[in-house]
C-alpha atoms as a PDB file:
ATOM      1  CA  MET A   1     110.437 253.126  67.324  1.00  0.00           C
ATOM      2  CA  ARG A   2     111.258 251.804  63.561  1.00  0.00           C
ATOM      3  CA  VAL A   3     108.432 253.928  62.534  1.00  0.00           C
ATOM      4  CA  TYR A   4     110.049 256.801  64.376  1.00  0.00           C
ATOM      5  CA  LEU A   5     113.148 256.179  62.784  1.00  0.00           C
ATOM      6  CA  THR A   6     112.244 255.949  59.141  1.00  0.00           C
ATOM      7  CA  VAL A   7     110.110 259.006  59.764  1.00  0.00           C
ATOM      8  CA  ILE A   8     113.308 260.969  60.675  1.00  0.00           C
ATOM      9  CA  LEU A   9     115.244 259.711  57.720  1.00  0.00           C
ATOM     10  CA  CYS A  10     112.463 260.490  55.517  1.00  0.00           C
ATOM     11  CA  PHE A  11     112.560 263.835  56.673  1.00  0.00           C
ATOM     12  CA  SER A  12     116.420 264.467  56.661  1.00  0.00           C
ATOM     13  CA  PHE A  13     116.453 263.471  53.115  1.00  0.00           C
ATOM     14  CA  ALA A  14     113.795 265.281  52.110  1.00  0.00           C
ATOM     15  CA  PHE A  15     115.320 268.563  53.671  1.00  0.00           C
ATOM     16  CA  SER A  16     119.023 268.341  53.457  1.00  0.00           C
ATOM     17  CA  ALA A  17     121.309 270.981  51.746  1.00  0.00           C
ATOM     18  CA  ASP A  18     124.952 271.275  51.405  1.00  0.00           C
ATOM     19  CA  ARG A  19     124.695 274.310  53.413  1.00  0.00           C
ATOM     20  CA  ILE A  20     122.593 277.337  54.292  1.00  0.00           C
ATOM     21  CA  SER A  21     124.767 279.718  53.164  1.00  0.00           C
ATOM     22  CA  SER A  22     124.819 278.645  49.063  1.00  0.00           C
ATOM     23  CA  ARG A  23     123.325 276.792  46.623  1.00  0.00           C
ATOM     24  CA  ASN A  24     121.748 273.536  47.200  1.00  0.00           C
ATOM     25  CA  PHE A  25     123.714 270.945  46.133  1.00  0.00           C
ATOM     26  CA  ALA A  26     126.994 272.477  45.565  1.00  0.00           C
ATOM     27  CA  THR A  27     129.606 270.144  44.936  1.00  0.00           C
ATOM     28  CA  ARG A  28     132.373 271.835  46.566  1.00  0.00           C
ATOM     29  CA  SER A  29     132.545 273.691  49.907  1.00  0.00           C
ATOM     30  CA  GLU A  30     133.786 277.082  50.228  1.00  0.00           C
ATOM     31  CA  VAL A  31     137.642 277.501  51.053  1.00  0.00           C
ATOM     32  CA  ILE A  32     139.119 280.543  52.714  1.00  0.00           C
ATOM     33  CA  ALA A  33     142.942 281.186  53.144  1.00  0.00           C
ATOM     34  CA  ARG A  34     145.420 283.731  54.160  1.00  0.00           C
ATOM     35  CA  HIS A  35     148.427 282.949  52.140  1.00  0.00           C
ATOM     36  CA  GLY A  36     147.500 281.226  48.936  1.00  0.00           C
ATOM     37  CA  MET A  37     145.594 278.773  47.589  1.00  0.00           C
ATOM     38  CA  ALA A  38     145.222 276.325  44.769  1.00  0.00           C
ATOM     39  CA  ALA A  39     142.557 274.061  42.624  1.00  0.00           C
ATOM     40  CA  THR A  40     143.183 271.662  40.169  1.00  0.00           C
ATOM     41  CA  SER A  41     140.732 268.739  39.020  1.00  0.00           C
ATOM     42  CA  GLN A  42     143.064 266.054  40.956  1.00  0.00           C
ATOM     43  CA  PRO A  43     143.804 266.193  44.443  1.00  0.00           C
ATOM     44  CA  LEU A  44     147.474 265.344  43.972  1.00  0.00           C
ATOM     45  CA  ALA A  45     148.158 267.937  41.761  1.00  0.00           C
ATOM     46  CA  THR A  46     146.621 270.654  44.134  1.00  0.00           C
ATOM     47  CA  GLN A  47     148.562 269.495  46.911  1.00  0.00           C
ATOM     48  CA  ILE A  48     151.950 269.808  44.820  1.00  0.00           C
ATOM     49  CA  ALA A  49     150.865 272.987  44.236  1.00  0.00           C
ATOM     50  CA  LEU A  50     149.922 274.090  47.899  1.00  0.00           C
ATOM     51  CA  ASP A  51     153.330 272.522  48.827  1.00  0.00           C
ATOM     52  CA  ILE A  52     155.565 274.972  46.467  1.00  0.00           C
ATOM     53  CA  LEU A  53     153.469 277.580  47.695  1.00  0.00           C
ATOM     54  CA  LYS A  54     154.645 276.699  51.333  1.00  0.00           C
ATOM     55  CA  LYS A  55     158.369 276.070  50.251  1.00  0.00           C
ATOM     56  CA  GLY A  56     158.118 280.136  49.403  1.00  0.00           C
ATOM     57  CA  GLY A  57     157.352 279.390  45.365  1.00  0.00           C
ATOM     58  CA  SER A  58     155.541 282.071  43.314  1.00  0.00           C
ATOM     59  CA  ALA A  59     151.986 281.453  42.211  1.00  0.00           C
ATOM     60  CA  VAL A  60     153.458 280.465  38.703  1.00  0.00           C
ATOM     61  CA  ASP A  61     155.826 278.118  40.262  1.00  0.00           C
ATOM     62  CA  ALA A  62     152.881 276.634  41.627  1.00  0.00           C
ATOM     63  CA  ALA A  63     150.747 276.297  38.835  1.00  0.00           C
ATOM     64  CA  ILE A  64     153.998 275.153  36.668  1.00  0.00           C
ATOM     65  CA  ALA A  65     154.334 272.264  39.303  1.00  0.00           C
ATOM     66  CA  ALA A  66     150.430 271.502  39.253  1.00  0.00           C
ATOM     67  CA  ASN A  67     150.335 271.583  35.334  1.00  0.00           C
ATOM     68  CA  ALA A  68     153.548 268.869  35.248  1.00  0.00           C
ATOM     69  CA  ALA A  69     151.735 266.769  37.479  1.00  0.00           C
ATOM     70  CA  LEU A  70     148.520 266.870  35.677  1.00  0.00           C
ATOM     71  CA  GLY A  71     150.190 266.182  32.397  1.00  0.00           C
ATOM     72  CA  LEU A  72     151.000 262.990  34.570  1.00  0.00           C
ATOM     73  CA  MET A  73     148.273 262.356  36.096  1.00  0.00           C
ATOM     74  CA  GLU A  74     145.044 263.407  33.658  1.00  0.00           C
ATOM     75  CA  PRO A  75     147.103 262.864  30.149  1.00  0.00           C
ATOM     76  CA  THR A  76     143.897 263.289  28.590  1.00  0.00           C
ATOM     77  CA  GLY A  77     143.455 267.017  28.746  1.00  0.00           C
ATOM     78  CA  ASN A  78     146.890 268.459  29.631  1.00  0.00           C
ATOM     79  CA  GLY A  79     150.968 267.157  29.238  1.00  0.00           C
ATOM     80  CA  ILE A  80     153.897 267.975  27.992  1.00  0.00           C
ATOM     81  CA  GLY A  81     152.813 267.216  24.611  1.00  0.00           C
ATOM     82  CA  GLY A  82     150.011 270.080  24.428  1.00  0.00           C
ATOM     83  CA  ASP A  83     149.594 273.766  24.388  1.00  0.00           C
ATOM     84  CA  LEU A  84     149.995 276.081  27.437  1.00  0.00           C
ATOM     85  CA  PHE A  85     148.206 279.545  27.978  1.00  0.00           C
ATOM     86  CA  ALA A  86     148.379 281.595  31.043  1.00  0.00           C
ATOM     87  CA  ILE A  87     147.294 284.942  32.437  1.00  0.00           C
ATOM     88  CA  VAL A  88     149.391 286.583  35.245  1.00  0.00           C
ATOM     89  CA  TRP A  89     148.294 289.448  37.292  1.00  0.00           C
ATOM     90  CA  ASP A  90     151.830 290.786  38.558  1.00  0.00           C
ATOM     91  CA  ALA A  91     150.984 292.673  41.905  1.00  0.00           C
ATOM     92  CA  ASN A  92     154.235 294.720  41.956  1.00  0.00           C
ATOM     93  CA  SER A  93     153.985 296.154  38.693  1.00  0.00           C
ATOM     94  CA  GLN A  94     150.221 295.989  38.940  1.00  0.00           C
ATOM     95  CA  LYS A  95     150.159 294.642  35.079  1.00  0.00           C
ATOM     96  CA  LEU A  96     148.385 291.883  33.771  1.00  0.00           C
ATOM     97  CA  TYR A  97     150.255 289.358  31.289  1.00  0.00           C
ATOM     98  CA  GLY A  98     149.038 286.920  28.980  1.00  0.00           C
ATOM     99  CA  LEU A  99     151.037 284.098  27.361  1.00  0.00           C
ATOM    100  CA  ASN A 100     150.041 282.052  24.593  1.00  0.00           C
ATOM    101  CA  ALA A 101     152.461 279.058  24.268  1.00  0.00           C
ATOM    102  CA  SER A 102     150.167 277.193  21.748  1.00  0.00           C
ATOM    103  CA  GLY A 103     151.733 275.003  19.201  1.00  0.00           C
ATOM    104  CA  ARG A 104     152.213 275.484  15.716  1.00  0.00           C
ATOM    105  CA  SER A 105     151.538 273.361  12.800  1.00  0.00           C
ATOM    106  CA  PRO A 106     154.470 271.956  10.843  1.00  0.00           C
ATOM    107  CA  LYS A 107     155.887 274.085   7.915  1.00  0.00           C
ATOM    108  CA  SER A 108     154.729 271.360   5.607  1.00  0.00           C
ATOM    109  CA  LEU A 109     151.170 270.970   6.923  1.00  0.00           C
ATOM    110  CA  THR A 110     149.387 273.659   5.204  1.00  0.00           C
ATOM    111  CA  LEU A 111     145.448 274.627   4.054  1.00  0.00           C
ATOM    112  CA  ALA A 112     146.694 273.332   0.485  1.00  0.00           C
ATOM    113  CA  TYR A 113     147.895 270.040   1.695  1.00  0.00           C
ATOM    114  CA  PHE A 114     144.304 269.288   3.279  1.00  0.00           C
ATOM    115  CA  LYS A 115     142.348 270.424   0.277  1.00  0.00           C
ATOM    116  CA  GLU A 116     144.287 268.165  -2.108  1.00  0.00           C
ATOM    117  CA  ASN A 117     143.972 265.045   0.176  1.00  0.00           C
ATOM    118  CA  GLY A 118     140.427 265.571  -0.251  1.00  0.00           C
ATOM    119  CA  PHE A 119     139.863 266.804   3.894  1.00  0.00           C
ATOM    120  CA  LYS A 120     137.000 268.972   4.475  1.00  0.00           C
ATOM    121  CA  LYS A 121     138.080 269.584   7.768  1.00  0.00           C
ATOM    122  CA  ILE A 122     141.109 268.252   9.869  1.00  0.00           C
ATOM    123  CA  PRO A 123     140.437 264.935  11.106  1.00  0.00           C
ATOM    124  CA  SER A 124     140.276 264.563  14.961  1.00  0.00           C
ATOM    125  CA  HIS A 125     142.771 261.431  15.394  1.00  0.00           C
ATOM    126  CA  GLY A 126     145.505 260.804  13.782  1.00  0.00           C
ATOM    127  CA  PRO A 127     148.804 262.493  13.455  1.00  0.00           C
ATOM    128  CA  LEU A 128     147.603 265.357  11.478  1.00  0.00           C
ATOM    129  CA  PRO A 129     145.839 267.497  14.203  1.00  0.00           C
ATOM    130  CA  VAL A 130     148.699 267.456  16.262  1.00  0.00           C
ATOM    131  CA  SER A 131     150.575 270.855  16.747  1.00  0.00           C
ATOM    132  CA  VAL A 132     154.207 271.166  17.848  1.00  0.00           C
ATOM    133  CA  PRO A 133     153.504 271.301  21.823  1.00  0.00           C
ATOM    134  CA  GLY A 134     154.052 274.465  23.622  1.00  0.00           C
ATOM    135  CA  CYS A 135     153.766 273.288  26.726  1.00  0.00           C
ATOM    136  CA  VAL A 136     157.359 273.393  28.319  1.00  0.00           C
ATOM    137  CA  ASP A 137     158.433 276.334  26.483  1.00  0.00           C
ATOM    138  CA  GLY A 138     156.012 277.885  28.404  1.00  0.00           C
ATOM    139  CA  TRP A 139     156.903 276.811  31.557  1.00  0.00           C
ATOM    140  CA  PHE A 140     160.007 278.576  31.378  1.00  0.00           C
ATOM    141  CA  GLU A 141     158.980 281.366  29.725  1.00  0.00           C
ATOM    142  CA  LEU A 142     156.461 281.961  32.465  1.00  0.00           C
ATOM    143  CA  HIS A 143     159.479 280.889  34.980  1.00  0.00           C
ATOM    144  CA  LYS A 144     161.794 283.239  33.761  1.00  0.00           C
ATOM    145  CA  ARG A 145     159.623 286.013  34.317  1.00  0.00           C
ATOM    146  CA  PHE A 146     158.011 285.264  37.473  1.00  0.00           C
ATOM    147  CA  GLY A 147     159.139 281.913  39.115  1.00  0.00           C
ATOM    148  CA  LYS A 148     161.181 282.028  42.143  1.00  0.00           C
ATOM    149  CA  LEU A 149     162.144 278.695  42.976  1.00  0.00           C
ATOM    150  CA  LYS A 150     164.546 276.414  40.834  1.00  0.00           C
ATOM    151  CA  MET A 151     162.742 274.296  38.193  1.00  0.00           C
ATOM    152  CA  GLN A 152     164.385 270.967  39.497  1.00  0.00           C
ATOM    153  CA  VAL A 153     162.442 272.049  42.582  1.00  0.00           C
ATOM    154  CA  ILE A 154     158.968 273.105  40.798  1.00  0.00           C
ATOM    155  CA  LEU A 155     159.367 269.662  38.665  1.00  0.00           C
ATOM    156  CA  ALA A 156     160.368 267.040  41.564  1.00  0.00           C
ATOM    157  CA  PRO A 157     156.948 266.264  42.640  1.00  0.00           C
ATOM    158  CA  ALA A 158     155.962 265.423  38.642  1.00  0.00           C
ATOM    159  CA  ILE A 159     158.991 263.334  38.450  1.00  0.00           C
ATOM    160  CA  ARG A 160     158.770 261.656  42.055  1.00  0.00           C
ATOM    161  CA  TYR A 161     155.109 260.718  40.817  1.00  0.00           C
ATOM    162  CA  ALA A 162     156.194 259.266  37.467  1.00  0.00           C
ATOM    163  CA  ARG A 163     159.044 256.780  38.992  1.00  0.00           C
ATOM    164  CA  GLU A 164     156.819 255.794  42.081  1.00  0.00           C
ATOM    165  CA  GLY A 165     153.464 255.504  40.437  1.00  0.00           C
ATOM    166  CA  PHE A 166     150.030 257.252  41.642  1.00  0.00           C
ATOM    167  CA  PRO A 167     146.527 256.214  41.871  1.00  0.00           C
ATOM    168  CA  VAL A 168     144.529 256.639  38.446  1.00  0.00           C
ATOM    169  CA  SER A 169     141.104 258.942  38.904  1.00  0.00           C
ATOM    170  CA  GLU A 170     138.015 256.815  37.685  1.00  0.00           C
ATOM    171  CA  LEU A 171     137.591 259.437  35.231  1.00  0.00           C
ATOM    172  CA  ILE A 172     141.016 258.968  33.464  1.00  0.00           C
ATOM    173  CA  SER A 173     140.417 255.037  33.757  1.00  0.00           C
ATOM    174  CA  TYR A 174     136.852 255.791  31.968  1.00  0.00           C
ATOM    175  CA  TYR A 175     138.988 257.898  29.341  1.00  0.00           C
ATOM    176  CA  TRP A 176     141.463 255.250  28.853  1.00  0.00           C
ATOM    177  CA  GLY A 177     139.265 251.955  28.689  1.00  0.00           C
ATOM    178  CA  ARG A 178     136.993 254.001  26.267  1.00  0.00           C
ATOM    179  CA  SER A 179     139.990 254.142  23.612  1.00  0.00           C
ATOM    180  CA  VAL A 180     141.092 250.479  23.622  1.00  0.00           C
ATOM    181  CA  PRO A 181     138.903 250.216  20.303  1.00  0.00           C
ATOM    182  CA  PHE A 182     140.345 253.039  18.444  1.00  0.00           C
ATOM    183  CA  LEU A 183     144.328 252.322  19.770  1.00  0.00           C
ATOM    184  CA  LYS A 184     143.584 248.687  18.453  1.00  0.00           C
ATOM    185  CA  LYS A 185     143.349 249.857  14.950  1.00  0.00           C
ATOM    186  CA  TYR A 186     147.304 250.762  15.392  1.00  0.00           C
ATOM    187  CA  PRO A 187     149.232 247.912  15.916  1.00  0.00           C
ATOM    188  CA  ASN A 188     152.174 249.845  17.466  1.00  0.00           C
ATOM    189  CA  PHE A 189     150.196 251.078  20.334  1.00  0.00           C
ATOM    190  CA  GLU A 190     150.125 247.342  21.454  1.00  0.00           C
ATOM    191  CA  LYS A 191     153.631 247.065  21.849  1.00  0.00           C
ATOM    192  CA  ILE A 192     153.446 250.206  24.397  1.00  0.00           C
END
């Protein structure tokens, strides 16, 4: 019996695949929906977007809600301190809209400043590579044109998670841990 079970398990592992209609080792299942869908790298942010759609929000409302949550839950790649880029298809007007809500550099931070101070490239860390954030302004620009729900409804889930807490993902925990040696160079970070 033990040999028989071992043979079955070996064959099961040797010929396993995610599903026959797609590539082997696909990491996500196909999703089909009738009235809308959302996808993010963070399950809680995806659920927030779906909840906004269920409340009658537009796709832009859902995207803003998800982006606000991602800024909290995945601050290494998103957030109110960053930029926002959007491409929106308006089915009513049959037009495609684009928004570049990237921040600008401070007025006095010019190319001449970098050259005068011996920089051959913009540093990857510290205050010099930071631009004026454009994300929040981008939310309001998008909402003005394409939003349905009030911003207080759209942002409420992210605010709730900020107050009550949320589980930190394994990936974000890894990135935070990897940053500790760098942050120790700046004593004021330790106070935070």
